[in-house]
Amino acid sequence: MEFILENQDDGSAVDLFMIEEIDAEKNLLVLANYIFDKKINYPVSDEDIEFYADAFDVALSKNMFLFVEFDEKRGVIIG
């Protein structure tokens, strides 16, 4: 099953990507979509890296995976 959301305004396709790793030193999120065998290094701000690192730690402590909606055409995380 493929999870794609269509944005009617600009025709962008949004896929779910798992946050595989967080590199706080470089302010990078490593996003992975195993269905399509894709990995993306996504740069974020200092504030955002703290938010994602905290959420990632909580998810790991509960044995959960953390996903984000990522628009590949625009190269941005949605929401």
Protein backbone atom coordinates (compact mmCIF):
# COMPACT_ATOMS: atom_id res chain seq x y z
CA MET A 1 0.00 0.00 0.00
CA GLU A 2 1.40 3.38 -1.00
CA PHE A 3 0.73 6.51 1.05
CA ILE A 4 0.54 9.51 -1.25
CA LEU A 5 -1.44 12.64 -0.56
CA GLU A 6 -2.31 14.91 -3.45
CA ASN A 7 -2.32 18.65 -2.88
CA GLN A 8 -4.98 20.01 -5.23
CA ASP A 9 -3.45 23.49 -5.38
CA ASP A 10 -0.08 22.66 -6.95
CA GLY A 11 -0.23 18.96 -7.86
CA SER A 12 2.57 18.01 -5.44
CA ALA A 13 2.79 14.43 -4.26
CA VAL A 14 3.59 14.00 -0.58
CA ASP A 15 5.10 10.76 0.75
CA LEU A 16 5.68 9.55 4.28
CA PHE A 17 9.35 9.36 5.20
CA MET A 18 10.71 7.84 8.39
CA ILE A 19 13.23 9.86 10.37
CA GLU A 20 16.05 7.33 10.37
CA GLU A 21 18.72 9.41 12.06
CA ILE A 22 19.31 12.87 13.49
CA ASP A 23 22.71 14.54 13.15
CA ALA A 24 22.55 17.40 15.66
CA GLU A 25 26.09 18.59 14.88
CA LYS A 26 25.24 19.18 11.21
CA ASN A 27 21.54 20.03 11.81
CA LEU A 28 20.46 17.24 9.47
CA LEU A 29 17.57 14.81 9.49
CA VAL A 30 18.13 11.60 7.57
CA LEU A 31 14.78 10.71 6.03
CA ALA A 32 14.11 7.26 4.58
CA ASN A 33 11.38 5.83 2.41
CA TYR A 34 12.04 2.11 2.23
CA ILE A 35 9.19 1.42 -0.18
CA PHE A 36 10.89 3.48 -2.89
CA ASP A 37 14.45 2.92 -1.59
CA LYS A 38 15.10 6.65 -1.02
CA LYS A 39 17.17 8.51 1.55
CA ILE A 40 17.30 12.26 1.95
CA ASN A 41 19.54 14.45 4.10
CA TYR A 42 17.27 17.30 5.12
CA PRO A 43 18.83 20.41 6.74
CA VAL A 44 16.91 22.07 9.59
CA SER A 45 17.39 25.06 11.89
CA ASP A 46 18.81 24.90 15.41
CA GLU A 47 15.31 25.21 16.87
CA ASP A 48 13.88 22.51 14.62
CA ILE A 49 16.70 20.05 15.31
CA GLU A 50 15.92 20.29 19.04
CA PHE A 51 12.23 19.61 18.38
CA TYR A 52 12.95 16.60 16.15
CA ALA A 53 15.64 15.25 18.51
CA ASP A 54 13.21 15.37 21.45
CA ALA A 55 10.43 13.71 19.45
CA PHE A 56 12.87 11.10 18.12
CA ASP A 57 14.06 10.25 21.64
CA VAL A 58 10.48 9.84 22.88
CA ALA A 59 9.64 7.61 19.91
CA LEU A 60 12.72 5.45 20.51
CA SER A 61 11.90 5.06 24.20
CA LYS A 62 8.47 3.72 23.19
CA ASN A 63 9.84 1.49 20.39
CA MET A 64 8.07 3.57 17.78
CA PHE A 65 9.09 5.04 14.44
CA LEU A 66 8.78 8.74 13.69
CA PHE A 67 7.43 9.76 10.26
CA VAL A 68 7.07 13.09 8.47
CA GLU A 69 5.25 14.07 5.30
CA PHE A 70 7.82 15.15 2.74
CA ASP A 71 7.13 16.87 -0.59
CA GLU A 72 9.95 15.75 -2.89
CA LYS A 73 9.03 18.15 -5.68
CA ARG A 74 9.41 21.16 -3.40
CA GLY A 75 11.99 19.55 -1.09
CA VAL A 76 10.14 20.43 2.13
CA ILE A 77 8.62 18.74 5.14
CA ILE A 78 4.89 19.45 5.30
CA GLY A 79 3.48 20.72 8.61
